[in-house]
């Protein structure tokens, strides 16, 4: 059973940075594609970024150039570096395997203007 524990969220001002972490157990991040997603109240969860088993990454247009997904195979952890944060980035952020498995609890990011 894959388990995902997201952390690193918090309150930050517009233009600030945060790094989210996703500790993974039950699956190897080096062998599987992983993704970050986010959700705000009343909206569907949306895809933010993915990193393939090959290490190739893709980012949604809304975050391209500001967010970077990466992984540490030794720690079996996936990261999301978020820079130049905007108010519209406020959301609960989740990581997951690709294809999707069980969701973790997510981590809340609040960007204040």
PDB file of N, CA and C in Angstrom:
ATOM      1  N   UNK A   1       0.853  -1.188   0.000  1.00  0.00           N
ATOM      2  CA  UNK A   1       0.000   0.000   0.000  1.00  0.00           C
ATOM      3  C   UNK A   1       0.890   1.239   0.000  1.00  0.00           C
ATOM      4  N   UNK A   2       0.664   2.099  -0.986  1.00  0.00           N
ATOM      5  CA  UNK A   2       1.433   3.332  -1.075  1.00  0.00           C
ATOM      6  C   UNK A   2       0.917   4.326  -0.042  1.00  0.00           C
ATOM      7  N   UNK A   3       1.835   4.944   0.662  1.00  0.00           N
ATOM      8  CA  UNK A   3       1.473   6.010   1.598  1.00  0.00           C
ATOM      9  C   UNK A   3       2.257   7.263   1.241  1.00  0.00           C
ATOM     10  N   UNK A   4       1.572   8.397   1.299  1.00  0.00           N
ATOM     11  CA  UNK A   4       2.144   9.678   0.911  1.00  0.00           C
ATOM     12  C   UNK A   4       1.950  10.666   2.056  1.00  0.00           C
ATOM     13  N   UNK A   5       3.024  11.338   2.435  1.00  0.00           N
ATOM     14  CA  UNK A   5       2.937  12.336   3.498  1.00  0.00           C
ATOM     15  C   UNK A   5       3.525  13.640   2.975  1.00  0.00           C
ATOM     16  N   UNK A   6       2.630  14.607   2.756  1.00  0.00           N
ATOM     17  CA  UNK A   6       3.050  15.917   2.269  1.00  0.00           C
ATOM     18  C   UNK A   6       3.358  16.848   3.440  1.00  0.00           C
ATOM     19  N   UNK A   7       4.329  17.715   3.247  1.00  0.00           N
ATOM     20  CA  UNK A   7       4.682  18.686   4.277  1.00  0.00           C
ATOM     21  C   UNK A   7       5.319  19.903   3.632  1.00  0.00           C
ATOM     22  N   UNK A   8       5.509  20.948   4.420  1.00  0.00           N
ATOM     23  CA  UNK A   8       6.199  22.126   3.934  1.00  0.00           C
ATOM     24  C   UNK A   8       5.311  23.313   3.632  1.00  0.00           C
ATOM     25  N   UNK A   9       4.008  23.128   3.709  1.00  0.00           N
ATOM     26  CA  UNK A   9       3.113  24.245   3.447  1.00  0.00           C
ATOM     27  C   UNK A   9       3.159  25.277   4.559  1.00  0.00           C
ATOM     28  N   UNK A  10       2.484  26.390   4.327  1.00  0.00           N
ATOM     29  CA  UNK A  10       2.444  27.442   5.330  1.00  0.00           C
ATOM     30  C   UNK A  10       1.932  28.733   4.743  1.00  0.00           C
ATOM     31  N   UNK A  11       2.100  29.790   5.516  1.00  0.00           N
ATOM     32  CA  UNK A  11       1.678  31.121   5.096  1.00  0.00           C
ATOM     33  C   UNK A  11       2.883  31.887   4.574  1.00  0.00           C
ATOM     34  N   UNK A  12       2.753  32.460   3.401  1.00  0.00           N
ATOM     35  CA  UNK A  12       3.854  33.200   2.785  1.00  0.00           C
ATOM     36  C   UNK A  12       3.279  34.412   2.065  1.00  0.00           C
ATOM     37  N   UNK A  13       4.072  35.454   1.958  1.00  0.00           N
ATOM     38  CA  UNK A  13       3.628  36.649   1.250  1.00  0.00           C
ATOM     39  C   UNK A  13       3.800  36.490  -0.246  1.00  0.00           C
ATOM     40  N   UNK A  14       3.051  37.267  -0.985  1.00  0.00           N
ATOM     41  CA  UNK A  14       3.175  37.286  -2.436  1.00  0.00           C
ATOM     42  C   UNK A  14       4.627  37.529  -2.828  1.00  0.00           C
ATOM     43  N   UNK A  15       5.118  36.719  -3.770  1.00  0.00           N
ATOM     44  CA  UNK A  15       6.499  36.820  -4.204  1.00  0.00           C
ATOM     45  C   UNK A  15       7.449  35.926  -3.445  1.00  0.00           C
ATOM     46  N   UNK A  16       6.974  35.323  -2.380  1.00  0.00           N
ATOM     47  CA  UNK A  16       7.814  34.466  -1.562  1.00  0.00           C
ATOM     48  C   UNK A  16       7.973  33.072  -2.136  1.00  0.00           C
ATOM     49  N   UNK A  17       8.666  32.219  -1.371  1.00  0.00           N
ATOM     50  CA  UNK A  17       8.964  30.859  -1.812  1.00  0.00           C
ATOM     51  C   UNK A  17       8.650  29.850  -0.716  1.00  0.00           C
ATOM     52  N   UNK A  18       8.346  28.644  -1.151  1.00  0.00           N
ATOM     53  CA  UNK A  18       8.177  27.510  -0.251  1.00  0.00           C
ATOM     54  C   UNK A  18       8.668  26.268  -0.971  1.00  0.00           C
ATOM     55  N   UNK A  19       9.103  25.286  -0.206  1.00  0.00           N
ATOM     56  CA  UNK A  19       9.428  23.987  -0.784  1.00  0.00           C
ATOM     57  C   UNK A  19       8.584  22.924  -0.105  1.00  0.00           C
ATOM     58  N   UNK A  20       7.778  22.257  -0.892  1.00  0.00           N
ATOM     59  CA  UNK A  20       6.945  21.175  -0.395  1.00  0.00           C
ATOM     60  C   UNK A  20       7.688  19.853  -0.540  1.00  0.00           C
ATOM     61  N   UNK A  21       7.433  18.959   0.409  1.00  0.00           N
ATOM     62  CA  UNK A  21       8.023  17.626   0.370  1.00  0.00           C
ATOM     63  C   UNK A  21       6.921  16.575   0.383  1.00  0.00           C
ATOM     64  N   UNK A  22       7.201  15.464  -0.246  1.00  0.00           N
ATOM     65  CA  UNK A  22       6.271  14.331  -0.246  1.00  0.00           C
ATOM     66  C   UNK A  22       7.077  13.081   0.042  1.00  0.00           C
ATOM     67  N   UNK A  23       6.953  12.579   1.260  1.00  0.00           N
ATOM     68  CA  UNK A  23       7.639  11.341   1.639  1.00  0.00           C
ATOM     69  C   UNK A  23       6.789  10.155   1.195  1.00  0.00           C
ATOM     70  N   UNK A  24       7.391   9.247   0.461  1.00  0.00           N
ATOM     71  CA  UNK A  24       6.663   8.136  -0.142  1.00  0.00           C
ATOM     72  C   UNK A  24       7.115   6.818   0.475  1.00  0.00           C
ATOM     73  N   UNK A  25       6.158   5.984   0.811  1.00  0.00           N
ATOM     74  CA  UNK A  25       6.466   4.619   1.228  1.00  0.00           C
ATOM     75  C   UNK A  25       5.575   3.670   0.439  1.00  0.00           C
ATOM     76  N   UNK A  26       6.082   2.462   0.191  1.00  0.00           N
ATOM     77  CA  UNK A  26       5.321   1.484  -0.561  1.00  0.00           C
ATOM     78  C   UNK A  26       5.499   1.578  -2.057  1.00  0.00           C
ATOM     79  N   UNK A  27       6.323   2.521  -2.518  1.00  0.00           N
ATOM     80  CA  UNK A  27       6.602   2.686  -3.944  1.00  0.00           C
ATOM     81  C   UNK A  27       7.916   3.439  -4.072  1.00  0.00           C
ATOM     82  N   UNK A  28       8.652   3.157  -5.119  1.00  0.00           N
ATOM     83  CA  UNK A  28       9.934   3.830  -5.332  1.00  0.00           C
ATOM     84  C   UNK A  28       9.756   5.001  -6.280  1.00  0.00           C
ATOM     85  N   UNK A  29      10.145   6.191  -5.823  1.00  0.00           N
ATOM     86  CA  UNK A  29      10.002   7.367  -6.680  1.00  0.00           C
ATOM     87  C   UNK A  29      10.946   7.277  -7.875  1.00  0.00           C
ATOM     88  N   UNK A  30      12.006   6.485  -7.749  1.00  0.00           N
ATOM     89  CA  UNK A  30      12.956   6.359  -8.851  1.00  0.00           C
ATOM     90  C   UNK A  30      12.400   5.506  -9.989  1.00  0.00           C
ATOM     91  N   UNK A  31      11.384   4.726  -9.705  1.00  0.00           N
ATOM     92  CA  UNK A  31      10.853   3.784 -10.699  1.00  0.00           C
ATOM     93  C   UNK A  31       9.478   4.153 -11.207  1.00  0.00           C
ATOM     94  N   UNK A  32       8.882   5.176 -10.631  1.00  0.00           N
ATOM     95  CA  UNK A  32       7.503   5.515 -10.976  1.00  0.00           C
ATOM     96  C   UNK A  32       7.352   7.013 -11.221  1.00  0.00           C
ATOM     97  N   UNK A  33       6.436   7.348 -12.076  1.00  0.00           N
ATOM     98  CA  UNK A  33       6.101   8.751 -12.259  1.00  0.00           C
ATOM     99  C   UNK A  33       5.360   9.259 -11.031  1.00  0.00           C
ATOM    100  N   UNK A  34       5.649  10.499 -10.660  1.00  0.00           N
ATOM    101  CA  UNK A  34       5.009  11.134  -9.513  1.00  0.00           C
ATOM    102  C   UNK A  34       4.506  12.504  -9.933  1.00  0.00           C
ATOM    103  N   UNK A  35       3.453  12.952  -9.271  1.00  0.00           N
ATOM    104  CA  UNK A  35       2.895  14.252  -9.614  1.00  0.00           C
ATOM    105  C   UNK A  35       2.499  15.063  -8.393  1.00  0.00           C
ATOM    106  N   UNK A  36       2.410  16.361  -8.594  1.00  0.00           N
ATOM    107  CA  UNK A  36       1.845  17.269  -7.593  1.00  0.00           C
ATOM    108  C   UNK A  36       0.527  17.821  -8.137  1.00  0.00           C
ATOM    109  N   UNK A  37      -0.432  17.999  -7.239  1.00  0.00           N
ATOM    110  CA  UNK A  37      -1.746  18.498  -7.580  1.00  0.00           C
ATOM    111  C   UNK A  37      -2.155  19.518  -6.524  1.00  0.00           C
ATOM    112  N   UNK A  38      -3.166  20.318  -6.831  1.00  0.00           N
ATOM    113  CA  UNK A  38      -3.653  21.260  -5.832  1.00  0.00           C
ATOM    114  C   UNK A  38      -5.158  21.420  -5.962  1.00  0.00           C
ATOM    115  N   UNK A  39      -5.757  21.834  -4.854  1.00  0.00           N
ATOM    116  CA  UNK A  39      -7.208  21.997  -4.831  1.00  0.00           C
ATOM    117  C   UNK A  39      -7.582  23.157  -3.936  1.00  0.00           C
ATOM    118  N   UNK A  40      -8.492  23.987  -4.428  1.00  0.00           N
ATOM    119  CA  UNK A  40      -9.065  25.073  -3.640  1.00  0.00           C
ATOM    120  C   UNK A  40     -10.538  24.765  -3.408  1.00  0.00           C
ATOM    121  N   UNK A  41     -11.140  25.315  -2.355  1.00  0.00           N
ATOM    122  CA  UNK A  41     -12.543  25.019  -2.050  1.00  0.00           C
ATOM    123  C   UNK A  41     -13.454  25.314  -3.229  1.00  0.00           C
ATOM    124  N   UNK A  42     -14.312  24.367  -3.537  1.00  0.00           N
ATOM    125  CA  UNK A  42     -15.288  24.554  -4.602  1.00  0.00           C
ATOM    126  C   UNK A  42     -14.758  24.261  -5.991  1.00  0.00           C
ATOM    127  N   UNK A  43     -13.491  23.897  -6.089  1.00  0.00           N
ATOM    128  CA  UNK A  43     -12.908  23.613  -7.397  1.00  0.00           C
ATOM    129  C   UNK A  43     -12.383  22.191  -7.452  1.00  0.00           C
ATOM    130  N   UNK A  44     -12.255  21.687  -8.660  1.00  0.00           N
ATOM    131  CA  UNK A  44     -11.683  20.358  -8.833  1.00  0.00           C
ATOM    132  C   UNK A  44     -10.175  20.393  -8.588  1.00  0.00           C
ATOM    133  N   UNK A  45      -9.676  19.243  -8.159  1.00  0.00           N
ATOM    134  CA  UNK A  45      -8.231  19.130  -7.984  1.00  0.00           C
ATOM    135  C   UNK A  45      -7.570  19.276  -9.358  1.00  0.00           C
ATOM    136  N   UNK A  46      -6.493  20.050  -9.436  1.00  0.00           N
ATOM    137  CA  UNK A  46      -5.826  20.260 -10.715  1.00  0.00           C
ATOM    138  C   UNK A  46      -4.378  19.793 -10.648  1.00  0.00           C
ATOM    139  N   UNK A  47      -3.918  19.344 -11.783  1.00  0.00           N
ATOM    140  CA  UNK A  47      -2.542  18.888 -11.900  1.00  0.00           C
ATOM    141  C   UNK A  47      -1.599  20.089 -11.937  1.00  0.00           C
ATOM    142  N   UNK A  48      -0.457  19.965 -11.254  1.00  0.00           N
ATOM    143  CA  UNK A  48       0.518  21.039 -11.187  1.00  0.00           C
ATOM    144  C   UNK A  48       1.821  20.651 -11.882  1.00  0.00           C
ATOM    145  N   UNK A  49       2.335  19.466 -11.592  1.00  0.00           N
ATOM    146  CA  UNK A  49       3.627  19.069 -12.152  1.00  0.00           C
ATOM    147  C   UNK A  49       3.763  17.563 -12.064  1.00  0.00           C
ATOM    148  N   UNK A  50       4.627  17.005 -12.922  1.00  0.00           N
ATOM    149  CA  UNK A  50       4.921  15.589 -12.865  1.00  0.00           C
ATOM    150  C   UNK A  50       6.393  15.368 -13.155  1.00  0.00           C
ATOM    151  N   UNK A  51       6.912  14.270 -12.620  1.00  0.00           N
ATOM    152  CA  UNK A  51       8.267  13.856 -12.938  1.00  0.00           C
ATOM    153  C   UNK A  51       8.202  12.372 -13.257  1.00  0.00           C
ATOM    154  N   UNK A  52       8.726  12.012 -14.416  1.00  0.00           N
ATOM    155  CA  UNK A  52       8.687  10.628 -14.838  1.00  0.00           C
ATOM    156  C   UNK A  52       9.812   9.811 -14.227  1.00  0.00           C
ATOM    157  N   UNK A  53       9.717   8.507 -14.437  1.00  0.00           N
ATOM    158  CA  UNK A  53      10.763   7.612 -13.950  1.00  0.00           C
ATOM    159  C   UNK A  53      12.117   7.989 -14.558  1.00  0.00           C
ATOM    160  N   UNK A  54      12.083   8.549 -15.758  1.00  0.00           N
ATOM    161  CA  UNK A  54      13.320   8.947 -16.438  1.00  0.00           C
ATOM    162  C   UNK A  54      13.910  10.220 -15.851  1.00  0.00           C
ATOM    163  N   UNK A  55      13.106  10.920 -15.064  1.00  0.00           N
ATOM    164  CA  UNK A  55      13.549  12.186 -14.504  1.00  0.00           C
ATOM    165  C   UNK A  55      13.070  13.395 -15.286  1.00  0.00           C
ATOM    166  N   UNK A  56      12.448  13.150 -16.416  1.00  0.00           N
ATOM    167  CA  UNK A  56      11.916  14.260 -17.211  1.00  0.00           C
ATOM    168  C   UNK A  56      10.688  14.822 -16.515  1.00  0.00           C
ATOM    169  N   UNK A  57      10.606  16.141 -16.437  1.00  0.00           N
ATOM    170  CA  UNK A  57       9.507  16.787 -15.718  1.00  0.00           C
ATOM    171  C   UNK A  57       8.679  17.666 -16.643  1.00  0.00           C
ATOM    172  N   UNK A  58       7.437  17.872 -16.237  1.00  0.00           N
ATOM    173  CA  UNK A  58       6.521  18.771 -16.931  1.00  0.00           C
ATOM    174  C   UNK A  58       5.785  19.592 -15.884  1.00  0.00           C
ATOM    175  N   UNK A  59       5.418  20.820 -16.248  1.00  0.00           N
ATOM    176  CA  UNK A  59       4.708  21.695 -15.331  1.00  0.00           C
ATOM    177  C   UNK A  59       3.515  22.323 -16.027  1.00  0.00           C
ATOM    178  N   UNK A  60       2.460  22.537 -15.279  1.00  0.00           N
ATOM    179  CA  UNK A  60       1.280  23.203 -15.814  1.00  0.00           C
ATOM    180  C   UNK A  60       1.643  24.627 -16.225  1.00  0.00           C
ATOM    181  N   UNK A  61       0.944  25.151 -17.224  1.00  0.00           N
ATOM    182  CA  UNK A  61       1.247  26.493 -17.716  1.00  0.00           C
ATOM    183  C   UNK A  61       1.153  27.538 -16.600  1.00  0.00           C
ATOM    184  N   UNK A  62       0.222  27.338 -15.679  1.00  0.00           N
ATOM    185  CA  UNK A  62      -0.005  28.321 -14.617  1.00  0.00           C
ATOM    186  C   UNK A  62       1.196  28.470 -13.682  1.00  0.00           C
ATOM    187  N   UNK A  63       2.050  27.448 -13.639  1.00  0.00           N
ATOM    188  CA  UNK A  63       3.176  27.486 -12.696  1.00  0.00           C
ATOM    189  C   UNK A  63       4.524  27.409 -13.404  1.00  0.00           C
ATOM    190  N   UNK A  64       4.506  27.249 -14.711  1.00  0.00           N
ATOM    191  CA  UNK A  64       5.750  27.079 -15.466  1.00  0.00           C
ATOM    192  C   UNK A  64       6.666  28.284 -15.266  1.00  0.00           C
ATOM    193  N   UNK A  65       7.922  28.008 -14.993  1.00  0.00           N
ATOM    194  CA  UNK A  65       8.886  29.070 -14.741  1.00  0.00           C
ATOM    195  C   UNK A  65       8.944  29.513 -13.294  1.00  0.00           C
ATOM    196  N   UNK A  66       7.971  29.095 -12.489  1.00  0.00           N
ATOM    197  CA  UNK A  66       7.947  29.481 -11.071  1.00  0.00           C
ATOM    198  C   UNK A  66       8.098  28.264 -10.149  1.00  0.00           C
ATOM    199  N   UNK A  67       7.524  27.136 -10.539  1.00  0.00           N
ATOM    200  CA  UNK A  67       7.568  25.911  -9.730  1.00  0.00           C
ATOM    201  C   UNK A  67       8.487  24.898 -10.399  1.00  0.00           C
ATOM    202  N   UNK A  68       9.140  24.092  -9.584  1.00  0.00           N
ATOM    203  CA  UNK A  68      10.000  23.033 -10.101  1.00  0.00           C
ATOM    204  C   UNK A  68       9.812  21.764  -9.284  1.00  0.00           C
ATOM    205  N   UNK A  69       9.476  20.690  -9.972  1.00  0.00           N
ATOM    206  CA  UNK A  69       9.357  19.389  -9.308  1.00  0.00           C
ATOM    207  C   UNK A  69      10.705  18.674  -9.380  1.00  0.00           C
ATOM    208  N   UNK A  70      11.049  17.965  -8.317  1.00  0.00           N
ATOM    209  CA  UNK A  70      12.294  17.196  -8.289  1.00  0.00           C
ATOM    210  C   UNK A  70      12.112  16.021  -7.339  1.00  0.00           C
ATOM    211  N   UNK A  71      13.124  15.173  -7.273  1.00  0.00           N
ATOM    212  CA  UNK A  71      13.028  14.037  -6.366  1.00  0.00           C
ATOM    213  C   UNK A  71      14.397  13.691  -5.814  1.00  0.00           C
ATOM    214  N   UNK A  72      14.393  13.041  -4.662  1.00  0.00           N
ATOM    215  CA  UNK A  72      15.613  12.507  -4.052  1.00  0.00           C
ATOM    216  C   UNK A  72      15.401  11.008  -3.907  1.00  0.00           C
ATOM    217  N   UNK A  73      16.047  10.244  -4.760  1.00  0.00           N
ATOM    218  CA  UNK A  73      15.822   8.802  -4.759  1.00  0.00           C
ATOM    219  C   UNK A  73      16.271   8.162  -3.442  1.00  0.00           C
ATOM    220  N   UNK A  74      17.345   8.667  -2.866  1.00  0.00           N
ATOM    221  CA  UNK A  74      17.852   8.095  -1.621  1.00  0.00           C
ATOM    222  C   UNK A  74      16.863   8.286  -0.478  1.00  0.00           C
ATOM    223  N   UNK A  75      16.154   9.404  -0.490  1.00  0.00           N
ATOM    224  CA  UNK A  75      15.166   9.679   0.561  1.00  0.00           C
ATOM    225  C   UNK A  75      13.766   9.241   0.148  1.00  0.00           C
ATOM    226  N   UNK A  76      13.626   8.758  -1.087  1.00  0.00           N
ATOM    227  CA  UNK A  76      12.315   8.376  -1.615  1.00  0.00           C
ATOM    228  C   UNK A  76      11.292   9.492  -1.406  1.00  0.00           C
ATOM    229  N   UNK A  77      11.688  10.683  -1.779  1.00  0.00           N
ATOM    230  CA  UNK A  77      10.899  11.889  -1.541  1.00  0.00           C
ATOM    231  C   UNK A  77      10.831  12.719  -2.815  1.00  0.00           C
ATOM    232  N   UNK A  78       9.681  13.308  -3.030  1.00  0.00           N
ATOM    233  CA  UNK A  78       9.463  14.210  -4.164  1.00  0.00           C
ATOM    234  C   UNK A  78       9.260  15.615  -3.606  1.00  0.00           C
ATOM    235  N   UNK A  79       9.778  16.603  -4.314  1.00  0.00           N
ATOM    236  CA  UNK A  79       9.709  17.983  -3.860  1.00  0.00           C
ATOM    237  C   UNK A  79       8.992  18.850  -4.881  1.00  0.00           C
ATOM    238  N   UNK A  80       8.472  19.974  -4.401  1.00  0.00           N
ATOM    239  CA  UNK A  80       7.950  21.012  -5.276  1.00  0.00           C
ATOM    240  C   UNK A  80       8.488  22.341  -4.762  1.00  0.00           C
ATOM    241  N   UNK A  81       9.433  22.904  -5.480  1.00  0.00           N
ATOM    242  CA  UNK A  81       9.970  24.212  -5.158  1.00  0.00           C
ATOM    243  C   UNK A  81       9.075  25.253  -5.795  1.00  0.00           C
ATOM    244  N   UNK A  82       8.541  26.139  -4.971  1.00  0.00           N
ATOM    245  CA  UNK A  82       7.600  27.144  -5.454  1.00  0.00           C
ATOM    246  C   UNK A  82       8.183  28.527  -5.206  1.00  0.00           C
ATOM    247  N   UNK A  83       8.425  29.248  -6.276  1.00  0.00           N
ATOM    248  CA  UNK A  83       8.965  30.603  -6.194  1.00  0.00           C
ATOM    249  C   UNK A  83       7.971  31.596  -6.770  1.00  0.00           C
ATOM    250  N   UNK A  84       8.180  32.860  -6.472  1.00  0.00           N
ATOM    251  CA  UNK A  84       7.325  33.930  -7.000  1.00  0.00           C
ATOM    252  C   UNK A  84       5.852  33.609  -6.789  1.00  0.00           C
ATOM    253  N   UNK A  85       5.520  33.226  -5.595  1.00  0.00           N
ATOM    254  CA  UNK A  85       4.161  32.789  -5.296  1.00  0.00           C
ATOM    255  C   UNK A  85       3.158  33.926  -5.458  1.00  0.00           C
ATOM    256  N   UNK A  86       1.970  33.534  -5.919  1.00  0.00           N
ATOM    257  CA  UNK A  86       0.875  34.466  -6.143  1.00  0.00           C
ATOM    258  C   UNK A  86      -0.312  34.060  -5.275  1.00  0.00           C
ATOM    259  N   UNK A  87      -1.214  34.999  -5.074  1.00  0.00           N
ATOM    260  CA  UNK A  87      -2.403  34.702  -4.266  1.00  0.00           C
ATOM    261  C   UNK A  87      -3.175  33.517  -4.835  1.00  0.00           C
ATOM    262  N   UNK A  88      -3.210  33.410  -6.152  1.00  0.00           N
ATOM    263  CA  UNK A  88      -3.960  32.317  -6.791  1.00  0.00           C
ATOM    264  C   UNK A  88      -3.298  30.957  -6.640  1.00  0.00           C
ATOM    265  N   UNK A  89      -2.109  30.908  -6.059  1.00  0.00           N
ATOM    266  CA  UNK A  89      -1.469  29.629  -5.752  1.00  0.00           C
ATOM    267  C   UNK A  89      -1.974  29.054  -4.423  1.00  0.00           C
ATOM    268  N   UNK A  90      -2.756  29.826  -3.698  1.00  0.00           N
ATOM    269  CA  UNK A  90      -3.308  29.352  -2.434  1.00  0.00           C
ATOM    270  C   UNK A  90      -4.165  28.112  -2.668  1.00  0.00           C
ATOM    271  N   UNK A  91      -3.835  27.021  -1.985  1.00  0.00           N
ATOM    272  CA  UNK A  91      -4.540  25.756  -2.185  1.00  0.00           C
ATOM    273  C   UNK A  91      -3.972  24.710  -1.226  1.00  0.00           C
ATOM    274  N   UNK A  92      -4.644  23.590  -1.170  1.00  0.00           N
ATOM    275  CA  UNK A  92      -4.069  22.410  -0.530  1.00  0.00           C
ATOM    276  C   UNK A  92      -3.329  21.638  -1.619  1.00  0.00           C
ATOM    277  N   UNK A  93      -2.081  21.321  -1.364  1.00  0.00           N
ATOM    278  CA  UNK A  93      -1.245  20.647  -2.345  1.00  0.00           C
ATOM    279  C   UNK A  93      -1.077  19.173  -1.963  1.00  0.00           C
ATOM    280  N   UNK A  94      -1.216  18.322  -2.967  1.00  0.00           N
ATOM    281  CA  UNK A  94      -1.109  16.883  -2.786  1.00  0.00           C
ATOM    282  C   UNK A  94      -0.091  16.313  -3.767  1.00  0.00           C
ATOM    283  N   UNK A  95       0.570  15.245  -3.353  1.00  0.00           N
ATOM    284  CA  UNK A  95       1.356  14.485  -4.319  1.00  0.00           C
ATOM    285  C   UNK A  95       0.666  13.146  -4.534  1.00  0.00           C
ATOM    286  N   UNK A  96       1.015  12.479  -5.605  1.00  0.00           N
ATOM    287  CA  UNK A  96       0.456  11.162  -5.867  1.00  0.00           C
ATOM    288  C   UNK A  96       1.304  10.458  -6.906  1.00  0.00           C
ATOM    289  N   UNK A  97       1.126   9.156  -6.961  1.00  0.00           N
ATOM    290  CA  UNK A  97       1.750   8.374  -8.016  1.00  0.00           C
ATOM    291  C   UNK A  97       0.970   8.605  -9.308  1.00  0.00           C
ATOM    292  N   UNK A  98       1.599   8.245 -10.405  1.00  0.00           N
ATOM    293  CA  UNK A  98       0.932   8.275 -11.704  1.00  0.00           C
ATOM    294  C   UNK A  98       1.092   6.897 -12.312  1.00  0.00           C
ATOM    295  N   UNK A  99       0.017   6.132 -12.533  1.00  0.00           N
ATOM    296  CA  UNK A  99      -1.393   6.424 -12.297  1.00  0.00           C
ATOM    297  C   UNK A  99      -1.701   6.721 -10.824  1.00  0.00           C
ATOM    298  N   UNK A 100      -2.823   7.388 -10.603  1.00  0.00           N
ATOM    299  CA  UNK A 100      -3.190   7.817  -9.264  1.00  0.00           C
ATOM    300  C   UNK A 100      -3.458   6.649  -8.342  1.00  0.00           C
ATOM    301  N   UNK A 101      -3.020   6.823  -7.079  1.00  0.00           N
ATOM    302  CA  UNK A 101      -3.317   5.886  -6.016  1.00  0.00           C
ATOM    303  C   UNK A 101      -4.062   6.619  -4.909  1.00  0.00           C
ATOM    304  N   UNK A 102      -4.007   6.093  -3.704  1.00  0.00           N
ATOM    305  CA  UNK A 102      -4.659   6.761  -2.576  1.00  0.00           C
ATOM    306  C   UNK A 102      -4.049   8.144  -2.339  1.00  0.00           C
ATOM    307  N   UNK A 103      -4.872   9.091  -1.928  1.00  0.00           N
ATOM    308  CA  UNK A 103      -4.387  10.445  -1.665  1.00  0.00           C
ATOM    309  C   UNK A 103      -3.913  10.548  -0.209  1.00  0.00           C
ATOM    310  N   UNK A 104      -2.937  11.415   0.002  1.00  0.00           N
ATOM    311  CA  UNK A 104      -2.514  11.760   1.350  1.00  0.00           C
ATOM    312  C   UNK A 104      -3.384  12.886   1.877  1.00  0.00           C
ATOM    313  N   UNK A 105      -2.969  13.477   2.981  1.00  0.00           N
ATOM    314  CA  UNK A 105      -3.741  14.554   3.585  1.00  0.00           C
ATOM    315  C   UNK A 105      -3.468  15.912   2.960  1.00  0.00           C
ATOM    316  N   UNK A 106      -2.397  16.023   2.204  1.00  0.00           N
ATOM    317  CA  UNK A 106      -2.067  17.293   1.592  1.00  0.00           C
ATOM    318  C   UNK A 106      -1.421  18.258   2.571  1.00  0.00           C
ATOM    319  N   UNK A 107      -0.963  19.378   2.029  1.00  0.00           N
ATOM    320  CA  UNK A 107      -0.372  20.427   2.849  1.00  0.00           C
ATOM    321  C   UNK A 107      -0.887  21.767   2.340  1.00  0.00           C
ATOM    322  N   UNK A 108      -1.313  22.620   3.254  1.00  0.00           N
ATOM    323  CA  UNK A 108      -1.961  23.875   2.887  1.00  0.00           C
ATOM    324  C   UNK A 108      -0.936  24.967   2.636  1.00  0.00           C
ATOM    325  N   UNK A 109      -1.077  25.611   1.495  1.00  0.00           N
ATOM    326  CA  UNK A 109      -0.253  26.774   1.147  1.00  0.00           C
ATOM    327  C   UNK A 109      -1.174  27.976   1.053  1.00  0.00           C
ATOM    328  N   UNK A 110      -0.849  29.006   1.818  1.00  0.00           N
ATOM    329  CA  UNK A 110      -1.629  30.235   1.796  1.00  0.00           C
ATOM    330  C   UNK A 110      -0.700  31.386   1.422  1.00  0.00           C
ATOM    331  N   UNK A 111      -1.052  32.081   0.343  1.00  0.00           N
ATOM    332  CA  UNK A 111      -0.244  33.201  -0.125  1.00  0.00           C
ATOM    333  C   UNK A 111      -1.035  34.477   0.120  1.00  0.00           C
ATOM    334  N   UNK A 112      -0.491  35.339   0.943  1.00  0.00           N
ATOM    335  CA  UNK A 112      -1.178  36.576   1.295  1.00  0.00           C
ATOM    336  C   UNK A 112      -0.631  37.735   0.468  1.00  0.00           C
ATOM    337  N   UNK A 113      -1.538  38.616   0.094  1.00  0.00           N
ATOM    338  CA  UNK A 113      -1.126  39.768  -0.729  1.00  0.00           C
ATOM    339  C   UNK A 113      -0.838  40.978   0.147  1.00  0.00           C
TER     340      UNK A 113
END
